[in-house]
Protein backbone atom coordinates (compact mmCIF):
# COMPACT_ATOMS: atom_id res chain seq x y z
CA UNK A 1 -0.06 0.35 -0.51
CA UNK A 2 1.21 3.26 -0.90
CA UNK A 3 1.79 5.88 2.14
CA UNK A 4 -0.57 7.74 0.88
CA UNK A 5 -2.60 5.13 1.31
CA UNK A 6 -1.60 3.83 4.77
CA UNK A 7 -1.94 7.62 5.82
CA UNK A 8 -5.69 7.82 4.74
CA UNK A 9 -6.60 3.87 6.30
CA UNK A 10 -4.94 5.06 9.41
CA UNK A 11 -7.04 7.82 9.97
CA UNK A 12 -10.31 6.60 8.80
CA UNK A 13 -9.25 3.42 11.56
CA UNK A 14 -8.63 6.06 13.91
CA UNK A 15 -11.62 7.75 14.21
CA UNK A 16 -14.10 4.41 13.60
CA UNK A 17 -13.41 2.31 15.95
CA UNK A 18 -10.74 4.21 18.45
CA UNK A 19 -7.61 1.80 17.02
CA UNK A 20 -5.26 4.32 17.92
CA UNK A 21 -5.08 6.18 21.11
CA UNK A 22 -7.54 8.34 22.39
CA UNK A 23 -5.64 11.76 21.71
CA UNK A 24 -6.60 14.94 23.50
CA UNK A 25 -7.49 18.03 21.65
CA UNK A 26 -8.28 21.97 21.53
CA UNK A 27 -10.14 22.14 18.50
CA UNK A 28 -10.90 26.20 17.42
CA UNK A 29 -12.92 24.79 14.03
CA UNK A 30 -15.27 27.54 12.63
CA UNK A 31 -17.86 28.37 10.42
CA UNK A 32 -15.11 28.87 7.72
CA UNK A 33 -13.10 25.91 8.79
CA UNK A 34 -16.38 24.00 8.48
CA UNK A 35 -17.54 25.11 4.95
CA UNK A 36 -13.94 24.93 3.95
CA UNK A 37 -13.45 21.19 4.55
CA UNK A 38 -16.72 20.22 2.88
CA UNK A 39 -15.00 21.49 -0.52
CA UNK A 40 -11.52 21.51 -0.28
CA UNK A 41 -9.59 17.49 0.32
CA UNK A 42 -7.55 17.20 1.78
CA UNK A 43 -6.27 15.94 5.82
CA UNK A 44 -6.57 17.47 9.04
CA UNK A 45 -6.52 16.90 12.57
CA UNK A 46 -8.44 19.91 13.90
CA UNK A 47 -5.67 19.62 16.59
CA UNK A 48 -3.10 21.66 13.93
CA UNK A 49 -6.21 24.64 14.28
CA UNK A 50 -5.02 25.89 17.48
CA UNK A 51 -1.75 25.20 16.50
CA UNK A 52 -1.45 27.56 13.18
CA UNK A 53 -4.03 30.31 15.03
CA UNK A 54 -1.15 30.66 17.92
CA UNK A 55 1.86 31.38 15.17
CA UNK A 56 0.16 33.56 12.80
CA UNK A 57 -0.46 35.60 16.17
CA UNK A 58 2.92 35.32 17.54
CA UNK A 59 4.90 35.53 14.43
CA UNK A 60 8.11 36.80 15.67
CA UNK A 61 8.65 38.93 12.37
CA UNK A 62 7.34 39.73 8.81
CA UNK A 63 9.26 36.77 7.45
CA UNK A 64 7.88 33.93 4.91
CA UNK A 65 5.78 30.77 6.52
CA UNK A 66 7.07 27.60 4.41
CA UNK A 67 4.69 24.38 3.86
CA UNK A 68 6.41 21.30 3.28
CA UNK A 69 3.64 19.05 1.01
CA UNK A 70 0.53 21.06 0.03
CA UNK A 71 -1.15 18.20 -1.55
CA UNK A 72 -4.85 19.64 -2.12
CA UNK A 73 -4.15 22.97 -0.48
CA UNK A 74 -6.63 22.54 2.93
CA UNK A 75 -3.62 23.42 4.87
CA UNK A 76 -2.18 25.97 2.52
CA UNK A 77 -5.67 27.35 2.86
CA UNK A 78 -5.57 27.50 6.73
CA UNK A 79 -2.64 29.08 6.82
CA UNK A 80 -3.93 31.86 4.77
CA UNK A 81 -7.44 32.08 6.60
CA UNK A 82 -5.40 32.61 9.78
CA UNK A 83 -3.23 35.10 8.47
CA UNK A 84 -5.88 36.73 7.22
CA UNK A 85 -7.55 37.05 10.46
CA UNK A 86 -4.34 38.34 12.59
CA UNK A 87 -3.80 40.69 9.63
CA UNK A 88 -0.29 39.02 8.96
CA UNK A 89 1.45 39.77 5.35
CA UNK A 90 4.49 37.67 5.53
CA UNK A 91 4.51 35.14 1.68
CA UNK A 92 3.08 31.40 2.09
CA UNK A 93 5.88 29.22 0.48
CA UNK A 94 4.60 25.86 0.01
CA UNK A 95 6.33 23.79 -1.95
CA UNK A 96 5.29 19.98 -3.81
CA UNK A 97 5.70 17.71 -6.61
CA UNK A 98 2.43 15.55 -6.43
CA UNK A 99 4.83 12.81 -6.42
CA UNK A 100 3.25 10.01 -4.60
CA UNK A 101 5.43 7.21 -3.03
CA UNK A 102 3.26 4.18 -4.35
CA UNK A 103 1.82 5.57 -7.40
CA UNK A 104 2.70 2.41 -9.74
CA UNK A 105 -0.22 1.14 -7.91
CA UNK A 106 -2.89 3.71 -7.82
CA UNK A 107 -5.68 1.80 -9.64
CA UNK A 108 -7.78 5.48 -11.07
CA UNK A 109 -8.04 5.49 -14.10
CA UNK A 110 -5.74 7.41 -16.78
CA UNK A 111 -3.02 5.85 -14.15
CA UNK A 112 -0.70 7.82 -11.72
CA UNK A 113 -0.20 10.63 -14.11
CA UNK A 114 -3.93 11.16 -14.61
CA UNK A 115 -3.76 11.36 -10.89
CA UNK A 116 -1.05 13.10 -10.09
CA UNK A 117 -2.74 16.42 -12.56
CA UNK A 118 -5.58 15.81 -10.75
CA UNK A 119 -4.48 16.28 -6.96
CA UNK A 120 -1.61 19.51 -8.66
CA UNK A 121 -5.22 20.86 -10.74
CA UNK A 122 -6.79 20.30 -7.31
CA UNK A 123 -4.63 22.33 -4.99
CA UNK A 124 -4.25 25.01 -7.74
CA UNK A 125 -8.27 25.67 -7.85
CA UNK A 126 -8.80 25.52 -4.38
CA UNK A 127 -6.12 27.73 -3.67
CA UNK A 128 -7.98 30.20 -6.35
CA UNK A 129 -10.89 30.18 -4.71
CA UNK A 130 -10.11 30.00 -1.02
CA UNK A 131 -6.80 32.11 -0.97
CA UNK A 132 -7.46 34.00 -4.11
CA UNK A 133 -7.07 37.59 -1.59
CA UNK A 134 -3.54 36.27 -1.23
CA UNK A 135 -2.31 33.56 -3.07
CA UNK A 136 0.54 31.06 -1.57
CA UNK A 137 3.50 30.63 -3.66
CA UNK A 138 3.61 27.37 -4.39
CA UNK A 139 6.69 25.68 -6.31
CA UNK A 140 7.02 22.20 -7.83
CA UNK A 141 9.74 20.73 -5.68
CA UNK A 142 10.82 18.00 -3.07
CA UNK A 143 11.49 19.67 0.62
CA UNK A 144 15.21 18.67 -0.69
CA UNK A 145 15.20 20.38 -3.87
CA UNK A 146 12.95 23.46 -2.18
CA UNK A 147 15.56 24.36 0.72
CA UNK A 148 18.63 23.51 -2.17
CA UNK A 149 16.79 26.46 -4.04
CA UNK A 150 16.48 28.70 -0.80
CA UNK A 151 19.79 28.21 0.22
CA UNK A 152 20.53 29.38 -3.34
CA UNK A 153 18.58 32.02 -2.85
CA UNK A 154 16.97 31.11 -6.57
CA UNK A 155 14.08 32.65 -8.02
CA UNK A 156 11.83 30.57 -9.13
CA UNK A 157 8.24 30.49 -11.17
CA UNK A 158 5.65 28.78 -9.23
CA UNK A 159 2.55 26.92 -10.23
CA UNK A 160 0.79 29.93 -11.17
CA UNK A 161 3.26 31.18 -13.05
CA UNK A 162 4.83 34.28 -11.00
CA UNK A 163 8.06 34.62 -10.29
CA UNK A 164 9.01 33.99 -6.54
CA UNK A 165 12.47 34.77 -5.05
CA UNK A 166 13.42 32.30 -2.53
CA UNK A 167 15.91 32.30 0.79
CA UNK A 168 16.50 34.58 3.86
CA UNK A 169 14.59 33.81 7.26
CA UNK A 170 11.91 31.13 8.23
CA UNK A 171 8.95 32.83 11.08
CA UNK A 172 7.05 29.22 10.12
CA UNK A 173 7.25 25.97 9.04
CA UNK A 174 4.63 23.15 8.35
CA UNK A 175 6.50 20.07 8.45
CA UNK A 176 3.93 17.58 6.19
CA UNK A 177 6.41 16.07 3.15
CA UNK A 178 7.39 12.23 3.86
CA UNK A 179 7.14 10.91 7.66
CA UNK A 180 9.93 8.21 7.44
CA UNK A 181 12.39 9.42 9.67
CA UNK A 182 15.08 10.42 7.09
CA UNK A 183 13.29 12.94 5.40
CA UNK A 184 11.57 14.21 8.60
CA UNK A 185 14.70 14.72 10.32
CA UNK A 186 16.00 16.42 6.82
CA UNK A 187 13.14 18.49 6.04
CA UNK A 188 13.70 19.54 10.37
CA UNK A 189 16.92 20.11 10.01
CA UNK A 190 16.84 22.16 6.60
CA UNK A 191 14.20 24.12 8.15
CA UNK A 192 16.22 24.81 11.67
CA UNK A 193 19.17 26.27 9.56
CA UNK A 194 16.80 29.21 8.90
CA UNK A 195 13.76 29.51 11.30
CA UNK A 196 14.89 32.47 13.22
CA UNK A 197 14.49 32.77 17.30
CA UNK A 198 10.82 32.82 18.03
CA UNK A 199 9.80 31.13 14.98
CA UNK A 200 7.61 28.04 14.99
CA UNK A 201 7.28 24.24 13.71
CA UNK A 202 4.41 21.87 13.23
CA UNK A 203 5.19 18.63 13.04
CA UNK A 204 1.90 17.18 10.79
CA UNK A 205 0.86 13.51 12.46
CA UNK A 206 3.61 13.60 15.37
CA UNK A 207 0.71 12.83 17.48
CA UNK A 208 2.09 10.08 19.69
CA UNK A 209 1.19 6.85 18.80
CA UNK A 210 0.34 7.58 15.46
CA UNK A 211 2.83 4.72 14.33
CA UNK A 212 4.80 7.66 11.84
CA UNK A 213 8.54 7.48 12.48
CA UNK A 214 8.55 11.84 12.64
CA UNK A 215 7.49 10.70 16.33
CA UNK A 216 10.96 10.25 16.78
CA UNK A 217 11.82 13.14 15.19
CA UNK A 218 9.65 15.40 17.11
CA UNK A 219 11.23 13.53 20.40
CA UNK A 220 14.99 14.54 18.98
CA UNK A 221 13.58 17.94 18.72
CA UNK A 222 12.29 18.11 22.07
CA UNK A 223 15.03 17.01 23.71
CA UNK A 224 17.53 19.15 21.82
CA UNK A 225 16.68 22.24 24.19
CA UNK A 226 16.28 24.69 21.08
CA UNK A 227 12.97 24.77 20.87
CA UNK A 228 10.32 25.22 23.42
CA UNK A 229 7.53 22.78 23.38
CA UNK A 230 4.45 24.51 22.70
CA UNK A 231 1.62 22.41 22.69
CA UNK A 232 0.60 18.99 21.16
CA UNK A 233 -2.37 19.41 20.57
CA UNK A 234 -2.19 16.33 19.62
CA UNK A 235 0.35 16.98 17.15
CA UNK A 236 4.07 18.48 18.59
CA UNK A 237 4.52 22.26 17.47
CA UNK A 238 7.16 24.03 19.03
CA UNK A 239 8.78 27.30 19.16
CA UNK A 240 13.20 28.10 18.26
CA UNK A 241 14.37 29.64 21.47
């Protein structure tokens, strides 16, 4: 089973049969969030909402926000929503190649390539609708490629055809890419290189007992002393000291 399919199955099981440990969470869902979730496909732990709202309220500067892994744009549009609520003008820069692990086994009509284009097109359509007033810059890259371009201060063209200059400090990062230890650790290390003091990191699917290797990464981050754990809700949300 592909990584994407595994994530969907695990989330469904935890909802329907309690096969994963119960996790307490603060849920600040409102009418906008509920309507967005009706229309915008995605895998959302609603505990993340509190973390996104908190980060937007307490950002240390106007440095860009970064999202690793965009899928159909649900979390991207939520970031724009909480930016809007708190009057933040920070650029939101995201990356995704929409190249899913195990894609060769995808039974969708038209095969993996058609599925990839459908998800990519869904992302573009969703952000054009729900982030029309403040569209994110989204570059079609794996996270390693993205941070390499960020380190080089490269100018790229986003999926909406706009130029975007990468590089410099980051004030917030939502890490939701490959959840294996190797990749999640590298996403953290790359983020840490550019995250300014007082900046935030939210690790998706990192709740205790989720079964993903990213859980090992957040334990290391917590033990390092470089980061303050703001909250487990139930995913791990840190502020850089």
